[in-house]
Every structure is written in C-alpha cells, then in structure tokens.
Amino acid sequence: MARKYFHFKQFSISDEQSAMKVGTDAVLLGAWTDVSETNNILDFGTGSGIIAIMIAQRAKANIDAIDIDKGSIVDAQNNFSNCPWKNRLTGIHSSLQEYVKNNSKKYDLIVSNPPFFSNSLKSLIYARSLSKHDEKLTHKELLTGVKKLLSCTGRLCVILPVSEADNFKELALLENLHCSKELQIIPKLNKKPNRIIMEFTYVKPQIISETNLCIRNLDNSYTKEYIDLTREFYLNF
C-alpha cells in the first residue's frame, strides 16, 4: 500500500509508523524556534521528523534527530531522504539516555516536543504513551541530558502544556538553564492558553520575552499571526 503524505510547500511528511502523528504543536515549535548562529542541532523525540525538517528549511545547520520508537525513526529517515535537505539530516534510533552515554558532541540548539502529562491517564496504545508521558524519560532526565549535550552558548527550545511549564522551569534552574523567551499558545479567541513554547539558555536574562499567539478566530478561521508564523510551510497560506 502506498504511503500517505502530508504535503507542505517544500517537503512532505509520512507518519504512518510514528508513535506521534503530525500536529500543530510540532509545526509551531518548528516555525518559532530561533535557528540563528547554529551549526549543530539536535531534535530529540523527533517522531516523523517534521520539526527537524522544518528547521532544516530555515537553517544551514546539520541536524541529528533521535527517537526511542523504531517506527518513528523509520518514518523520519524516509521523510529525510525525500526532502531537499537530506544531506544535513540524520535519524538515530536511541533513547536520550543512551545517546548521552555514547555521544560527546555539543549542540548549538536542542529542540523537542518532549513527553508530558506526567500525572495523567496513560494511552491505551503503548507506543503513543511512551511518546507523550514521562514514564521512560522524565523531565529531570531530559534536562540532565540537555546539560551534557548543549554547548555553553546553546539554546534549548521545548513545547509543553501550560500546566507543566512552571515545574519544568524549576527543574531547568537546577541545571543552570534559564527561561529567556516564551510564547503562550491560545487555541482560539476567548480561550485560555493551552500550550507554551519556551527557550532556555545558560545566561540569565534581565527580562524574559513573553508573547502570545492565537491560532483561530471566533469563526474558526486562522489568525493573521498564525498565518504569518507558518506561511513558509503550509500550502494554503
């Protein structure tokens, strides 16, 4: 059976075997993350590889993408091989813990749509559960791994539910990582933010850059700010 693809302006994504499917969270993270002054980038929990490919479109850096789920890496490697930046993208089947043990490389940027909802009910589908809960990779372990892989001038960018943000910031401070920028995501006008994208650095900022982005208007049309952020990717924008 032929693969089904999500088509973007410059690449296509298949997520048939990935534990986590293509979604708005990944697109937001891939479009918002600052990719300036980067030579080596790591995307962990890459899933189908969409974030890595979006960043490859925006940056000239080499990008390593790791995932503990074998099906996800199969999809990611297939998607990498079919995109214009395949020579700068590498998919690796590994947990973050094992990758840290076997790798001494330092990254200018680490980006992730990491496990979350640590106290919520687990998914009935085990692979999906691994991807969206911190059972196999706690946020503390994630940040410990980041500390070993991030260069002294590097940045970490993650997207999380708003409810998880404060605890993640506290754990990050234990690794001397300070939140420097954050974007609160509002799914629709008159709704409360449900996601937050955060950038962390080793340098404590004098002022944290705090902004909001609303995805949909009251009539369900996309807002201008969401279109502006993602117009280099979505076919309809």
C-alpha atoms as a PDB file:
ATOM      1  CA  MET A   1       0.000   0.000   0.000  1.00  0.00           C
ATOM      2  CA  ALA A   2       1.310   3.446  -0.919  1.00  0.00           C
ATOM      3  CA  ARG A   3       2.294   5.773   1.891  1.00  0.00           C
ATOM      4  CA  LYS A   4       0.037   8.704   2.746  1.00  0.00           C
ATOM      5  CA  TYR A   5       1.755  12.072   2.972  1.00  0.00           C
ATOM      6  CA  PHE A   6       1.075  15.475   4.484  1.00  0.00           C
ATOM      7  CA  HIS A   7       2.260  17.932   1.865  1.00  0.00           C
ATOM      8  CA  PHE A   8       3.958  21.193   2.812  1.00  0.00           C
ATOM      9  CA  LYS A   9       5.355  23.846   0.477  1.00  0.00           C
ATOM     10  CA  GLN A  10       8.853  22.349   0.206  1.00  0.00           C
ATOM     11  CA  PHE A  11       8.554  18.841   1.676  1.00  0.00           C
ATOM     12  CA  SER A  12       6.130  16.033   2.528  1.00  0.00           C
ATOM     13  CA  ILE A  13       5.694  14.011   5.708  1.00  0.00           C
ATOM     14  CA  SER A  14       4.544  10.426   6.248  1.00  0.00           C
ATOM     15  CA  ASP A  15       3.718   9.494   9.857  1.00  0.00           C
ATOM     16  CA  GLU A  16       2.149   6.065   9.358  1.00  0.00           C
ATOM     17  CA  GLN A  17       4.570   4.256  11.681  1.00  0.00           C
ATOM     18  CA  SER A  18       5.315   7.122  14.060  1.00  0.00           C
ATOM     19  CA  ALA A  19       4.095   6.917  17.632  1.00  0.00           C
ATOM     20  CA  MET A  20       3.158  10.598  17.459  1.00  0.00           C
ATOM     21  CA  LYS A  21       1.336  11.997  14.456  1.00  0.00           C
ATOM     22  CA  VAL A  22       1.858  15.324  12.699  1.00  0.00           C
ATOM     23  CA  GLY A  23       0.187  18.038  14.747  1.00  0.00           C
ATOM     24  CA  THR A  24       0.007  21.750  15.436  1.00  0.00           C
ATOM     25  CA  ASP A  25       2.435  21.576  18.383  1.00  0.00           C
ATOM     26  CA  ALA A  26       5.262  20.357  16.164  1.00  0.00           C
ATOM     27  CA  VAL A  27       4.552  22.928  13.450  1.00  0.00           C
ATOM     28  CA  LEU A  28       4.511  25.768  15.987  1.00  0.00           C
ATOM     29  CA  LEU A  29       7.807  24.666  17.520  1.00  0.00           C
ATOM     30  CA  GLY A  30       9.467  24.173  14.143  1.00  0.00           C
ATOM     31  CA  ALA A  31       8.358  27.597  12.922  1.00  0.00           C
ATOM     32  CA  TRP A  32       9.002  29.629  16.107  1.00  0.00           C
ATOM     33  CA  THR A  33      12.389  28.325  17.270  1.00  0.00           C
ATOM     34  CA  ASP A  34      15.327  30.705  16.782  1.00  0.00           C
ATOM     35  CA  VAL A  35      17.788  28.914  14.489  1.00  0.00           C
ATOM     36  CA  SER A  36      20.308  31.750  14.115  1.00  0.00           C
ATOM     37  CA  GLU A  37      24.025  31.083  14.727  1.00  0.00           C
ATOM     38  CA  THR A  38      23.660  27.300  14.694  1.00  0.00           C
ATOM     39  CA  ASN A  39      25.969  24.693  13.194  1.00  0.00           C
ATOM     40  CA  ASN A  40      24.776  21.563  15.014  1.00  0.00           C
ATOM     41  CA  ILE A  41      21.183  20.967  16.112  1.00  0.00           C
ATOM     42  CA  LEU A  42      19.592  18.053  17.990  1.00  0.00           C
ATOM     43  CA  ASP A  43      15.896  17.173  17.795  1.00  0.00           C
ATOM     44  CA  PHE A  44      15.006  14.527  20.348  1.00  0.00           C
ATOM     45  CA  GLY A  45      11.702  12.706  20.307  1.00  0.00           C
ATOM     46  CA  THR A  46      11.656  13.527  16.612  1.00  0.00           C
ATOM     47  CA  GLY A  47       8.655  11.354  15.723  1.00  0.00           C
ATOM     48  CA  SER A  48       8.135  11.605  11.955  1.00  0.00           C
ATOM     49  CA  GLY A  49      10.943  14.163  11.736  1.00  0.00           C
ATOM     50  CA  ILE A  50       8.723  17.140  10.938  1.00  0.00           C
ATOM     51  CA  ILE A  51      10.398  19.548  13.385  1.00  0.00           C
ATOM     52  CA  ALA A  52      13.875  18.589  12.172  1.00  0.00           C
ATOM     53  CA  ILE A  53      12.848  19.112   8.543  1.00  0.00           C
ATOM     54  CA  MET A  54      11.198  22.460   9.271  1.00  0.00           C
ATOM     55  CA  ILE A  55      14.357  23.622  10.997  1.00  0.00           C
ATOM     56  CA  ALA A  56      16.490  22.308   8.125  1.00  0.00           C
ATOM     57  CA  GLN A  57      14.437  24.515   5.800  1.00  0.00           C
ATOM     58  CA  ARG A  58      15.171  27.539   7.986  1.00  0.00           C
ATOM     59  CA  ALA A  59      18.800  26.905   8.999  1.00  0.00           C
ATOM     60  CA  LYS A  60      22.026  25.777   7.348  1.00  0.00           C
ATOM     61  CA  ALA A  61      22.994  23.564  10.287  1.00  0.00           C
ATOM     62  CA  ASN A  62      23.479  19.807  10.458  1.00  0.00           C
ATOM     63  CA  ILE A  63      20.626  18.200  12.376  1.00  0.00           C
ATOM     64  CA  ASP A  64      20.611  14.946  14.348  1.00  0.00           C
ATOM     65  CA  ALA A  65      17.172  13.562  15.183  1.00  0.00           C
ATOM     66  CA  ILE A  66      16.689  10.798  17.760  1.00  0.00           C
ATOM     67  CA  ASP A  67      13.689   8.796  18.931  1.00  0.00           C
ATOM     68  CA  ILE A  68      13.234   5.748  21.164  1.00  0.00           C
ATOM     69  CA  ASP A  69      10.428   4.452  18.916  1.00  0.00           C
ATOM     70  CA  LYS A  70      11.644   2.366  15.955  1.00  0.00           C
ATOM     71  CA  GLY A  71       8.610   3.123  13.794  1.00  0.00           C
ATOM     72  CA  SER A  72       9.141   6.832  14.264  1.00  0.00           C
ATOM     73  CA  ILE A  73      12.747   6.617  13.090  1.00  0.00           C
ATOM     74  CA  VAL A  74      11.697   4.575  10.046  1.00  0.00           C
ATOM     75  CA  ASP A  75       9.272   7.357   9.115  1.00  0.00           C
ATOM     76  CA  ALA A  76      11.771  10.101   9.932  1.00  0.00           C
ATOM     77  CA  GLN A  77      14.542   8.549   7.827  1.00  0.00           C
ATOM     78  CA  ASN A  78      12.133   8.107   4.924  1.00  0.00           C
ATOM     79  CA  ASN A  79      10.996  11.712   5.212  1.00  0.00           C
ATOM     80  CA  PHE A  80      14.571  12.953   5.465  1.00  0.00           C
ATOM     81  CA  SER A  81      15.640  11.035   2.353  1.00  0.00           C
ATOM     82  CA  ASN A  82      12.842  12.627   0.333  1.00  0.00           C
ATOM     83  CA  CYS A  83      13.370  16.244   1.398  1.00  0.00           C
ATOM     84  CA  PRO A  84      15.686  18.875  -0.152  1.00  0.00           C
ATOM     85  CA  TRP A  85      17.975  18.960   2.913  1.00  0.00           C
ATOM     86  CA  LYS A  86      18.607  15.213   3.264  1.00  0.00           C
ATOM     87  CA  ASN A  87      22.402  15.666   3.398  1.00  0.00           C
ATOM     88  CA  ARG A  88      22.091  17.627   6.641  1.00  0.00           C
ATOM     89  CA  LEU A  89      19.602  15.353   8.425  1.00  0.00           C
ATOM     90  CA  THR A  90      20.419  12.157  10.349  1.00  0.00           C
ATOM     91  CA  GLY A  91      17.844   9.932  12.052  1.00  0.00           C
ATOM     92  CA  ILE A  92      19.062   7.867  15.015  1.00  0.00           C
ATOM     93  CA  HIS A  93      17.167   5.136  16.885  1.00  0.00           C
ATOM     94  CA  SER A  94      18.061   5.795  20.521  1.00  0.00           C
ATOM     95  CA  SER A  95      16.742   6.935  23.853  1.00  0.00           C
ATOM     96  CA  LEU A  96      18.136  10.242  25.076  1.00  0.00           C
ATOM     97  CA  GLN A  97      19.815   8.452  27.986  1.00  0.00           C
ATOM     98  CA  GLU A  98      21.710   6.061  25.680  1.00  0.00           C
ATOM     99  CA  TYR A  99      22.567   8.860  23.272  1.00  0.00           C
ATOM    100  CA  VAL A 100      24.150  10.869  26.071  1.00  0.00           C
ATOM    101  CA  LYS A 101      26.228   7.862  27.148  1.00  0.00           C
ATOM    102  CA  ASN A 102      27.576   7.211  23.649  1.00  0.00           C
ATOM    103  CA  ASN A 103      27.990  10.745  22.330  1.00  0.00           C
ATOM    104  CA  SER A 104      30.277  13.652  23.230  1.00  0.00           C
ATOM    105  CA  LYS A 105      29.014  16.050  20.567  1.00  0.00           C
ATOM    106  CA  LYS A 106      27.873  19.523  21.625  1.00  0.00           C
ATOM    107  CA  TYR A 107      24.882  21.247  20.068  1.00  0.00           C
ATOM    108  CA  ASP A 108      24.136  24.929  19.491  1.00  0.00           C
ATOM    109  CA  LEU A 109      20.411  24.209  19.653  1.00  0.00           C
ATOM    110  CA  ILE A 110      18.394  21.381  21.149  1.00  0.00           C
ATOM    111  CA  VAL A 111      14.713  21.273  20.279  1.00  0.00           C
ATOM    112  CA  SER A 112      11.993  18.921  21.466  1.00  0.00           C
ATOM    113  CA  ASN A 113       8.300  18.248  21.722  1.00  0.00           C
ATOM    114  CA  PRO A 114       9.001  16.156  24.817  1.00  0.00           C
ATOM    115  CA  PRO A 115       6.999  13.685  26.926  1.00  0.00           C
ATOM    116  CA  PHE A 116       4.403  15.396  29.079  1.00  0.00           C
ATOM    117  CA  PHE A 117       1.237  14.936  31.136  1.00  0.00           C
ATOM    118  CA  SER A 118       3.305  13.119  33.744  1.00  0.00           C
ATOM    119  CA  ASN A 119       0.342  12.507  36.073  1.00  0.00           C
ATOM    120  CA  SER A 120      -2.432  11.908  33.552  1.00  0.00           C
ATOM    121  CA  LEU A 121      -4.005   8.626  32.436  1.00  0.00           C
ATOM    122  CA  LYS A 122      -1.841   6.591  30.086  1.00  0.00           C
ATOM    123  CA  SER A 123      -2.817   5.968  26.470  1.00  0.00           C
ATOM    124  CA  LEU A 124      -4.137   2.543  25.553  1.00  0.00           C
ATOM    125  CA  ILE A 125      -1.620   2.483  22.714  1.00  0.00           C
ATOM    126  CA  TYR A 126       1.750   1.807  24.346  1.00  0.00           C
ATOM    127  CA  ALA A 127       3.943   3.461  21.708  1.00  0.00           C
ATOM    128  CA  ARG A 128       1.885   6.633  21.878  1.00  0.00           C
ATOM    129  CA  SER A 129       2.034   6.507  25.652  1.00  0.00           C
ATOM    130  CA  LEU A 130       5.835   6.375  25.552  1.00  0.00           C
ATOM    131  CA  SER A 131       5.907   9.478  23.400  1.00  0.00           C
ATOM    132  CA  LYS A 132       3.510  11.593  25.424  1.00  0.00           C
ATOM    133  CA  HIS A 133       4.244  10.595  29.022  1.00  0.00           C
ATOM    134  CA  ASP A 134       7.455  10.882  31.017  1.00  0.00           C
ATOM    135  CA  GLU A 135       7.469   7.208  32.102  1.00  0.00           C
ATOM    136  CA  LYS A 136      10.615   6.414  30.093  1.00  0.00           C
ATOM    137  CA  LEU A 137      12.086   9.928  30.071  1.00  0.00           C
ATOM    138  CA  THR A 138      11.296  12.199  33.000  1.00  0.00           C
ATOM    139  CA  HIS A 139      11.707  15.931  32.586  1.00  0.00           C
ATOM    140  CA  LYS A 140      14.568  15.775  35.074  1.00  0.00           C
ATOM    141  CA  GLU A 141      16.359  13.159  32.931  1.00  0.00           C
ATOM    142  CA  LEU A 142      15.620  15.202  29.832  1.00  0.00           C
ATOM    143  CA  LEU A 143      17.247  18.289  31.344  1.00  0.00           C
ATOM    144  CA  THR A 144      20.202  16.290  32.676  1.00  0.00           C
ATOM    145  CA  GLY A 145      20.778  15.030  29.136  1.00  0.00           C
ATOM    146  CA  VAL A 146      20.452  18.522  27.712  1.00  0.00           C
ATOM    147  CA  LYS A 147      23.083  19.802  30.155  1.00  0.00           C
ATOM    148  CA  LYS A 148      25.582  17.252  28.808  1.00  0.00           C
ATOM    149  CA  LEU A 149      24.821  17.902  25.127  1.00  0.00           C
ATOM    150  CA  LEU A 150      24.217  21.659  24.946  1.00  0.00           C
ATOM    151  CA  SER A 151      27.131  23.981  24.177  1.00  0.00           C
ATOM    152  CA  CYS A 152      27.880  26.762  26.665  1.00  0.00           C
ATOM    153  CA  THR A 153      26.243  29.306  24.338  1.00  0.00           C
ATOM    154  CA  GLY A 154      23.481  26.958  23.164  1.00  0.00           C
ATOM    155  CA  ARG A 155      19.706  27.154  23.438  1.00  0.00           C
ATOM    156  CA  LEU A 156      17.019  24.638  24.390  1.00  0.00           C
ATOM    157  CA  CYS A 157      13.510  25.052  22.925  1.00  0.00           C
ATOM    158  CA  VAL A 158      10.554  22.941  24.076  1.00  0.00           C
ATOM    159  CA  ILE A 159       6.764  22.984  23.786  1.00  0.00           C
ATOM    160  CA  LEU A 160       4.669  21.847  26.761  1.00  0.00           C
ATOM    161  CA  PRO A 161       1.162  22.130  28.170  1.00  0.00           C
ATOM    162  CA  VAL A 162       0.862  25.352  30.164  1.00  0.00           C
ATOM    163  CA  SER A 163       0.183  23.246  33.279  1.00  0.00           C
ATOM    164  CA  GLU A 164       3.654  21.685  33.020  1.00  0.00           C
ATOM    165  CA  ALA A 165       5.615  24.909  32.448  1.00  0.00           C
ATOM    166  CA  ASP A 166       6.353  26.085  35.999  1.00  0.00           C
ATOM    167  CA  ASN A 167       7.634  22.698  37.138  1.00  0.00           C
ATOM    168  CA  PHE A 168       9.809  22.400  34.019  1.00  0.00           C
ATOM    169  CA  LYS A 169      11.318  25.855  34.668  1.00  0.00           C
ATOM    170  CA  GLU A 170      12.162  24.883  38.247  1.00  0.00           C
ATOM    171  CA  LEU A 171      13.871  21.686  37.093  1.00  0.00           C
ATOM    172  CA  ALA A 172      15.743  23.643  34.400  1.00  0.00           C
ATOM    173  CA  LEU A 173      17.135  26.030  37.009  1.00  0.00           C
ATOM    174  CA  LEU A 174      18.727  23.061  38.783  1.00  0.00           C
ATOM    175  CA  GLU A 175      20.802  22.605  35.601  1.00  0.00           C
ATOM    176  CA  ASN A 176      21.519  26.360  35.445  1.00  0.00           C
ATOM    177  CA  LEU A 177      19.186  26.779  32.461  1.00  0.00           C
ATOM    178  CA  HIS A 178      17.134  29.979  32.491  1.00  0.00           C
ATOM    179  CA  CYS A 179      13.953  30.683  30.532  1.00  0.00           C
ATOM    180  CA  SER A 180      14.744  33.574  28.197  1.00  0.00           C
ATOM    181  CA  LYS A 181      11.700  33.575  25.870  1.00  0.00           C
ATOM    182  CA  GLU A 182       8.238  32.118  25.983  1.00  0.00           C
ATOM    183  CA  LEU A 183       5.261  32.032  23.659  1.00  0.00           C
ATOM    184  CA  GLN A 184       1.853  31.135  25.092  1.00  0.00           C
ATOM    185  CA  ILE A 185      -0.401  29.434  22.546  1.00  0.00           C
ATOM    186  CA  ILE A 186      -4.109  30.262  22.601  1.00  0.00           C
ATOM    187  CA  PRO A 187      -6.115  27.733  20.542  1.00  0.00           C
ATOM    188  CA  LYS A 188      -8.983  30.143  19.810  1.00  0.00           C
ATOM    189  CA  LEU A 189     -10.046  33.664  20.700  1.00  0.00           C
ATOM    190  CA  ASN A 190     -11.852  33.700  24.074  1.00  0.00           C
ATOM    191  CA  LYS A 191      -9.979  30.538  25.169  1.00  0.00           C
ATOM    192  CA  LYS A 192      -7.139  30.276  27.676  1.00  0.00           C
ATOM    193  CA  PRO A 193      -3.584  29.313  26.594  1.00  0.00           C
ATOM    194  CA  ASN A 194      -3.110  25.541  26.489  1.00  0.00           C
ATOM    195  CA  ARG A 195       0.495  25.246  25.266  1.00  0.00           C
ATOM    196  CA  ILE A 196       3.686  27.172  25.860  1.00  0.00           C
ATOM    197  CA  ILE A 197       6.943  27.238  23.887  1.00  0.00           C
ATOM    198  CA  MET A 198       9.991  28.103  25.974  1.00  0.00           C
ATOM    199  CA  GLU A 199      13.595  28.895  25.139  1.00  0.00           C
ATOM    200  CA  PHE A 200      16.299  28.251  27.758  1.00  0.00           C
ATOM    201  CA  THR A 201      19.918  29.428  27.909  1.00  0.00           C
ATOM    202  CA  TYR A 202      22.736  29.355  30.438  1.00  0.00           C
ATOM    203  CA  VAL A 203      22.683  33.159  30.569  1.00  0.00           C
ATOM    204  CA  LYS A 204      20.061  34.594  32.911  1.00  0.00           C
ATOM    205  CA  PRO A 205      18.100  37.258  31.000  1.00  0.00           C
ATOM    206  CA  GLN A 206      17.395  40.655  32.521  1.00  0.00           C
ATOM    207  CA  ILE A 207      13.896  40.469  31.055  1.00  0.00           C
ATOM    208  CA  ILE A 208      12.074  37.363  29.820  1.00  0.00           C
ATOM    209  CA  SER A 209      10.462  37.901  26.419  1.00  0.00           C
ATOM    210  CA  GLU A 210       6.802  36.926  26.900  1.00  0.00           C
ATOM    211  CA  THR A 211       4.371  36.871  23.962  1.00  0.00           C
ATOM    212  CA  ASN A 212       1.078  35.234  22.998  1.00  0.00           C
ATOM    213  CA  LEU A 213      -0.137  33.703  19.751  1.00  0.00           C
ATOM    214  CA  CYS A 214      -3.756  32.835  18.988  1.00  0.00           C
ATOM    215  CA  ILE A 215      -4.348  30.154  16.340  1.00  0.00           C
ATOM    216  CA  ARG A 216      -8.025  30.651  15.391  1.00  0.00           C
ATOM    217  CA  ASN A 217     -10.516  33.494  15.300  1.00  0.00           C
ATOM    218  CA  LEU A 218     -14.033  33.106  16.701  1.00  0.00           C
ATOM    219  CA  ASP A 219     -15.266  31.987  13.283  1.00  0.00           C
ATOM    220  CA  ASN A 220     -12.603  29.228  13.249  1.00  0.00           C
ATOM    221  CA  SER A 221     -10.533  30.953  10.549  1.00  0.00           C
ATOM    222  CA  TYR A 222      -6.803  31.179  11.184  1.00  0.00           C
ATOM    223  CA  THR A 223      -5.500  34.377  12.731  1.00  0.00           C
ATOM    224  CA  LYS A 224      -3.097  36.619  10.835  1.00  0.00           C
ATOM    225  CA  GLU A 225      -0.359  35.987  13.401  1.00  0.00           C
ATOM    226  CA  TYR A 226      -0.606  32.209  12.964  1.00  0.00           C
ATOM    227  CA  ILE A 227      -0.584  32.544   9.171  1.00  0.00           C
ATOM    228  CA  ASP A 228       2.433  34.845   9.338  1.00  0.00           C
ATOM    229  CA  LEU A 229       4.352  32.382  11.531  1.00  0.00           C
ATOM    230  CA  THR A 230       3.635  29.322   9.389  1.00  0.00           C
ATOM    231  CA  ARG A 231       3.218  30.698   5.867  1.00  0.00           C
ATOM    232  CA  GLU A 232       6.597  29.313   4.710  1.00  0.00           C
ATOM    233  CA  PHE A 233       5.259  25.805   5.344  1.00  0.00           C
ATOM    234  CA  TYR A 234       1.514  25.384   4.873  1.00  0.00           C
ATOM    235  CA  LEU A 235       0.284  25.067   1.281  1.00  0.00           C
ATOM    236  CA  ASN A 236      -2.842  27.137   1.907  1.00  0.00           C
ATOM    237  CA  PHE A 237      -1.084  30.165   3.421  1.00  0.00           C
END
